[in-house]
Amino acid sequence: MHDPKLSVLREFVSAHESLVYAAVKAGAVDDLPNESQLYAKVVREHLHLKHVHNALEFADLREGTPYETTFNGEAVSPSAHLALHAAVKGQLEADPLVRAAFDNMVATGTSAHHAEHVLCALLAETQFEELHALDAGEDSGKQRAIYVHKLQNLARDSAFRKKLTQNFPADHPAFE
């Protein structure tokens, strides 16, 4: 179903992607606001991936239409992937619990990028569950509490940390 409000939002997101990408290419990232700098850092970390490059290079031409690729029969969005990484980078700056979970994953042998993938997956799962709760007229606080509990376990429990890091990919097979 075509939702005009969603199309407008996608146009704004595409415009932001284009502006940040232009700043990355021009070496003007320091002129961006902090949130956009976080996104620019993620862009730089992922620019070697073909589908990420294409999503950014042609963001202004998409005019709000989503750019997705298929992996294992499922649609995946390079833009959503970048946005999740940027959100996690923001959490790493602002949330001591997220920082502790990240630091402990890295300290026990998980690469920083893989640790971000684990945190991205937890954040996406939480947001998805919160939206379903809100759509059902329920309080989304339970999903937030589960998220906090998982972060606490990542920070404190090495067995949980090992299990969770094995559940999420360290690389980007969908975007190769």
C-alpha atoms as a PDB file:
ATOM      1  CA  MET A   1       0.000   0.000   0.000  1.00  0.00           C
ATOM      2  CA  HIS A   2       1.274   3.454  -0.900  1.00  0.00           C
ATOM      3  CA  ASP A   3       1.410   5.777   2.099  1.00  0.00           C
ATOM      4  CA  PRO A   4       1.984   9.426   1.087  1.00  0.00           C
ATOM      5  CA  LYS A   5       3.370  10.312   4.536  1.00  0.00           C
ATOM      6  CA  LEU A   6       5.893   7.487   4.290  1.00  0.00           C
ATOM      7  CA  SER A   7       6.930   8.666   0.825  1.00  0.00           C
ATOM      8  CA  VAL A   8       7.563  12.178   2.157  1.00  0.00           C
ATOM      9  CA  LEU A   9       9.617  10.773   5.028  1.00  0.00           C
ATOM     10  CA  ARG A  10      11.636   8.660   2.585  1.00  0.00           C
ATOM     11  CA  GLU A  11      12.305  11.770   0.492  1.00  0.00           C
ATOM     12  CA  PHE A  12      13.698  13.553   3.561  1.00  0.00           C
ATOM     13  CA  VAL A  13      15.828  10.548   4.478  1.00  0.00           C
ATOM     14  CA  SER A  14      17.151  10.313   0.911  1.00  0.00           C
ATOM     15  CA  ALA A  15      17.957  14.033   0.962  1.00  0.00           C
ATOM     16  CA  HIS A  16      19.843  13.602   4.244  1.00  0.00           C
ATOM     17  CA  GLU A  17      21.743  10.613   2.838  1.00  0.00           C
ATOM     18  CA  SER A  18      22.699  12.674  -0.223  1.00  0.00           C
ATOM     19  CA  LEU A  19      23.871  15.641   1.839  1.00  0.00           C
ATOM     20  CA  VAL A  20      25.949  13.517   4.195  1.00  0.00           C
ATOM     21  CA  TYR A  21      27.415  11.536   1.303  1.00  0.00           C
ATOM     22  CA  ALA A  22      28.340  14.790  -0.451  1.00  0.00           C
ATOM     23  CA  ALA A  23      30.034  15.992   2.756  1.00  0.00           C
ATOM     24  CA  VAL A  24      31.966  12.711   2.982  1.00  0.00           C
ATOM     25  CA  LYS A  25      33.138  13.042  -0.620  1.00  0.00           C
ATOM     26  CA  ALA A  26      34.062  16.721  -0.114  1.00  0.00           C
ATOM     27  CA  GLY A  27      35.871  16.119   3.170  1.00  0.00           C
ATOM     28  CA  ALA A  28      33.446  18.432   4.970  1.00  0.00           C
ATOM     29  CA  VAL A  29      32.140  16.035   7.622  1.00  0.00           C
ATOM     30  CA  ASP A  30      33.300  18.301  10.471  1.00  0.00           C
ATOM     31  CA  ASP A  31      30.795  20.913   9.288  1.00  0.00           C
ATOM     32  CA  LEU A  32      27.861  18.557   9.928  1.00  0.00           C
ATOM     33  CA  PRO A  33      25.834  18.301  13.159  1.00  0.00           C
ATOM     34  CA  ASN A  34      26.860  15.459  15.495  1.00  0.00           C
ATOM     35  CA  GLU A  35      24.114  13.030  14.383  1.00  0.00           C
ATOM     36  CA  SER A  36      25.065  13.538  10.758  1.00  0.00           C
ATOM     37  CA  GLN A  37      28.738  13.076  11.633  1.00  0.00           C
ATOM     38  CA  LEU A  38      27.865   9.706  13.156  1.00  0.00           C
ATOM     39  CA  TYR A  39      26.069   8.774   9.949  1.00  0.00           C
ATOM     40  CA  ALA A  40      29.056  10.002   7.907  1.00  0.00           C
ATOM     41  CA  LYS A  41      31.396   7.794   9.930  1.00  0.00           C
ATOM     42  CA  VAL A  42      29.166   4.809   9.176  1.00  0.00           C
ATOM     43  CA  VAL A  43      29.109   5.764   5.495  1.00  0.00           C
ATOM     44  CA  ARG A  44      32.908   5.785   5.394  1.00  0.00           C
ATOM     45  CA  GLU A  45      33.027   2.370   7.092  1.00  0.00           C
ATOM     46  CA  HIS A  46      30.620   0.856   4.541  1.00  0.00           C
ATOM     47  CA  LEU A  47      31.387   2.688   1.316  1.00  0.00           C
ATOM     48  CA  HIS A  48      33.387  -0.241  -0.055  1.00  0.00           C
ATOM     49  CA  LEU A  49      30.168  -2.262  -0.275  1.00  0.00           C
ATOM     50  CA  LYS A  50      28.581  -2.049  -3.724  1.00  0.00           C
ATOM     51  CA  HIS A  51      24.950  -1.765  -2.615  1.00  0.00           C
ATOM     52  CA  VAL A  52      25.777   0.820   0.035  1.00  0.00           C
ATOM     53  CA  HIS A  53      27.687   2.863  -2.527  1.00  0.00           C
ATOM     54  CA  ASN A  54      24.785   2.618  -4.984  1.00  0.00           C
ATOM     55  CA  ALA A  55      22.213   3.548  -2.338  1.00  0.00           C
ATOM     56  CA  LEU A  56      24.170   6.687  -1.508  1.00  0.00           C
ATOM     57  CA  GLU A  57      25.340   7.627  -4.981  1.00  0.00           C
ATOM     58  CA  PHE A  58      21.784   7.597  -6.304  1.00  0.00           C
ATOM     59  CA  ALA A  59      19.864   8.651  -3.177  1.00  0.00           C
ATOM     60  CA  ASP A  60      18.849  11.967  -4.746  1.00  0.00           C
ATOM     61  CA  LEU A  61      17.484  10.193  -7.833  1.00  0.00           C
ATOM     62  CA  ARG A  62      15.325   7.745  -5.870  1.00  0.00           C
ATOM     63  CA  GLU A  63      12.959  10.548  -4.838  1.00  0.00           C
ATOM     64  CA  GLY A  64      11.836   8.683  -1.759  1.00  0.00           C
ATOM     65  CA  THR A  65      11.514   5.214  -3.256  1.00  0.00           C
ATOM     66  CA  PRO A  66      13.226   2.585  -1.118  1.00  0.00           C
ATOM     67  CA  TYR A  67      16.444   0.990  -2.331  1.00  0.00           C
ATOM     68  CA  GLU A  68      16.610  -2.668  -1.401  1.00  0.00           C
ATOM     69  CA  THR A  69      18.566  -5.681  -2.469  1.00  0.00           C
ATOM     70  CA  THR A  70      17.703  -9.333  -1.974  1.00  0.00           C
ATOM     71  CA  PHE A  71      19.619 -11.680   0.294  1.00  0.00           C
ATOM     72  CA  ASN A  72      18.484 -15.249   0.956  1.00  0.00           C
ATOM     73  CA  GLY A  73      15.134 -14.367  -0.580  1.00  0.00           C
ATOM     74  CA  GLU A  74      14.529 -11.411   1.724  1.00  0.00           C
ATOM     75  CA  ALA A  75      14.663  -7.703   0.929  1.00  0.00           C
ATOM     76  CA  VAL A  76      17.392  -5.859   2.807  1.00  0.00           C
ATOM     77  CA  SER A  77      17.987  -2.129   2.897  1.00  0.00           C
ATOM     78  CA  PRO A  78      21.501  -0.695   2.863  1.00  0.00           C
ATOM     79  CA  SER A  79      20.032   2.589   4.118  1.00  0.00           C
ATOM     80  CA  ALA A  80      18.406   0.911   7.112  1.00  0.00           C
ATOM     81  CA  HIS A  81      21.670  -0.878   7.866  1.00  0.00           C
ATOM     82  CA  LEU A  82      23.550   2.424   7.889  1.00  0.00           C
ATOM     83  CA  ALA A  83      20.880   4.098  10.017  1.00  0.00           C
ATOM     84  CA  LEU A  84      21.059   1.324  12.620  1.00  0.00           C
ATOM     85  CA  HIS A  85      24.843   1.587  12.800  1.00  0.00           C
ATOM     86  CA  ALA A  86      24.555   5.361  13.255  1.00  0.00           C
ATOM     87  CA  ALA A  87      21.953   4.901  16.004  1.00  0.00           C
ATOM     88  CA  VAL A  88      24.227   2.468  17.815  1.00  0.00           C
ATOM     89  CA  LYS A  89      27.181   4.864  17.501  1.00  0.00           C
ATOM     90  CA  GLY A  90      24.967   7.521  19.080  1.00  0.00           C
ATOM     91  CA  GLN A  91      24.046   5.156  21.897  1.00  0.00           C
ATOM     92  CA  LEU A  92      27.717   4.359  22.441  1.00  0.00           C
ATOM     93  CA  GLU A  93      28.317   8.066  23.059  1.00  0.00           C
ATOM     94  CA  ALA A  94      25.309   8.584  25.321  1.00  0.00           C
ATOM     95  CA  ASP A  95      24.375   5.349  27.098  1.00  0.00           C
ATOM     96  CA  PRO A  96      26.829   3.820  29.588  1.00  0.00           C
ATOM     97  CA  LEU A  97      25.079   0.441  29.454  1.00  0.00           C
ATOM     98  CA  VAL A  98      25.371   0.215  25.675  1.00  0.00           C
ATOM     99  CA  ARG A  99      29.021   1.323  25.996  1.00  0.00           C
ATOM    100  CA  ALA A 100      29.691  -1.368  28.635  1.00  0.00           C
ATOM    101  CA  ALA A 101      28.102  -4.093  26.494  1.00  0.00           C
ATOM    102  CA  PHE A 102      30.141  -2.954  23.479  1.00  0.00           C
ATOM    103  CA  ASP A 103      33.404  -2.665  25.411  1.00  0.00           C
ATOM    104  CA  ASN A 104      33.002  -6.121  26.930  1.00  0.00           C
ATOM    105  CA  MET A 105      32.248  -7.701  23.558  1.00  0.00           C
ATOM    106  CA  VAL A 106      35.376  -6.102  22.113  1.00  0.00           C
ATOM    107  CA  ALA A 107      37.459  -7.004  25.177  1.00  0.00           C
ATOM    108  CA  THR A 108      36.517 -10.662  24.757  1.00  0.00           C
ATOM    109  CA  GLY A 109      37.544 -10.888  21.116  1.00  0.00           C
ATOM    110  CA  THR A 110      34.613  -9.587  19.098  1.00  0.00           C
ATOM    111  CA  SER A 111      35.582  -7.029  16.475  1.00  0.00           C
ATOM    112  CA  ALA A 112      34.168  -3.546  16.996  1.00  0.00           C
ATOM    113  CA  HIS A 113      32.136  -3.810  13.799  1.00  0.00           C
ATOM    114  CA  HIS A 114      30.705  -7.194  14.772  1.00  0.00           C
ATOM    115  CA  ALA A 115      29.841  -5.813  18.219  1.00  0.00           C
ATOM    116  CA  GLU A 116      27.962  -2.993  16.495  1.00  0.00           C
ATOM    117  CA  HIS A 117      26.086  -5.597  14.419  1.00  0.00           C
ATOM    118  CA  VAL A 118      24.985  -7.359  17.607  1.00  0.00           C
ATOM    119  CA  LEU A 119      23.821  -4.063  19.104  1.00  0.00           C
ATOM    120  CA  CYS A 120      22.118  -3.102  15.814  1.00  0.00           C
ATOM    121  CA  ALA A 121      20.219  -6.385  15.834  1.00  0.00           C
ATOM    122  CA  LEU A 122      19.083  -5.889  19.430  1.00  0.00           C
ATOM    123  CA  LEU A 123      18.000  -2.329  18.722  1.00  0.00           C
ATOM    124  CA  ALA A 124      16.121  -3.280  15.549  1.00  0.00           C
ATOM    125  CA  GLU A 125      14.415  -6.175  17.287  1.00  0.00           C
ATOM    126  CA  THR A 126      13.356  -3.901  20.142  1.00  0.00           C
ATOM    127  CA  GLN A 127      12.030  -1.213  17.826  1.00  0.00           C
ATOM    128  CA  PHE A 128      10.112  -3.803  15.818  1.00  0.00           C
ATOM    129  CA  GLU A 129       8.543  -5.262  18.956  1.00  0.00           C
ATOM    130  CA  GLU A 130       7.740  -1.804  20.339  1.00  0.00           C
ATOM    131  CA  LEU A 131       5.934  -0.878  17.118  1.00  0.00           C
ATOM    132  CA  HIS A 132       3.895  -4.083  17.257  1.00  0.00           C
ATOM    133  CA  ALA A 133       2.973  -3.361  20.867  1.00  0.00           C
ATOM    134  CA  LEU A 134       1.927   0.185  20.027  1.00  0.00           C
ATOM    135  CA  ASP A 135      -0.094  -1.026  17.023  1.00  0.00           C
ATOM    136  CA  ALA A 136      -1.878  -3.460  19.337  1.00  0.00           C
ATOM    137  CA  GLY A 137      -2.605  -0.663  21.811  1.00  0.00           C
ATOM    138  CA  GLU A 138      -0.206  -2.140  24.366  1.00  0.00           C
ATOM    139  CA  ASP A 139       2.482  -0.503  26.450  1.00  0.00           C
ATOM    140  CA  SER A 140       5.897  -0.858  24.830  1.00  0.00           C
ATOM    141  CA  GLY A 141       7.696  -0.683  28.183  1.00  0.00           C
ATOM    142  CA  LYS A 142       8.055  -4.454  28.344  1.00  0.00           C
ATOM    143  CA  GLN A 143      10.088  -4.500  25.132  1.00  0.00           C
ATOM    144  CA  ARG A 144      12.331  -1.716  26.444  1.00  0.00           C
ATOM    145  CA  ALA A 145      12.875  -3.667  29.686  1.00  0.00           C
ATOM    146  CA  ILE A 146      13.842  -6.769  27.690  1.00  0.00           C
ATOM    147  CA  TYR A 147      16.302  -4.674  25.688  1.00  0.00           C
ATOM    148  CA  VAL A 148      17.912  -3.297  28.851  1.00  0.00           C
ATOM    149  CA  HIS A 149      18.104  -6.808  30.323  1.00  0.00           C
ATOM    150  CA  LYS A 150      19.861  -8.111  27.204  1.00  0.00           C
ATOM    151  CA  LEU A 151      22.319  -5.211  27.328  1.00  0.00           C
ATOM    152  CA  GLN A 152      23.010  -5.975  30.979  1.00  0.00           C
ATOM    153  CA  ASN A 153      23.640  -9.618  30.105  1.00  0.00           C
ATOM    154  CA  LEU A 154      25.958  -8.619  27.270  1.00  0.00           C
ATOM    155  CA  ALA A 155      27.912  -6.449  29.681  1.00  0.00           C
ATOM    156  CA  ARG A 156      28.101  -9.011  32.506  1.00  0.00           C
ATOM    157  CA  ASP A 157      27.648 -12.575  31.235  1.00  0.00           C
ATOM    158  CA  SER A 158      30.396 -14.015  29.027  1.00  0.00           C
ATOM    159  CA  ALA A 159      28.324 -17.082  28.039  1.00  0.00           C
ATOM    160  CA  PHE A 160      25.413 -14.888  26.936  1.00  0.00           C
ATOM    161  CA  ARG A 161      27.822 -12.571  25.114  1.00  0.00           C
ATOM    162  CA  LYS A 162      29.414 -15.489  23.247  1.00  0.00           C
ATOM    163  CA  LYS A 163      26.038 -16.981  22.302  1.00  0.00           C
ATOM    164  CA  LEU A 164      24.635 -13.668  21.080  1.00  0.00           C
ATOM    165  CA  THR A 165      27.679 -12.714  19.034  1.00  0.00           C
ATOM    166  CA  GLN A 166      27.482 -16.062  17.261  1.00  0.00           C
ATOM    167  CA  ASN A 167      23.848 -15.400  16.305  1.00  0.00           C
ATOM    168  CA  PHE A 168      24.603 -12.294  14.261  1.00  0.00           C
ATOM    169  CA  PRO A 169      26.904 -11.916  11.275  1.00  0.00           C
ATOM    170  CA  ALA A 170      30.200 -10.111  11.524  1.00  0.00           C
ATOM    171  CA  ASP A 171      30.276  -9.213   7.846  1.00  0.00           C
ATOM    172  CA  HIS A 172      27.882  -7.850   5.230  1.00  0.00           C
ATOM    173  CA  PRO A 173      26.991 -10.769   2.949  1.00  0.00           C
ATOM    174  CA  ALA A 174      23.769  -9.095   1.830  1.00  0.00           C
ATOM    175  CA  PHE A 175      25.624  -6.111   0.420  1.00  0.00           C
ATOM    176  CA  GLU A 176      28.587  -7.768  -1.320  1.00  0.00           C
END
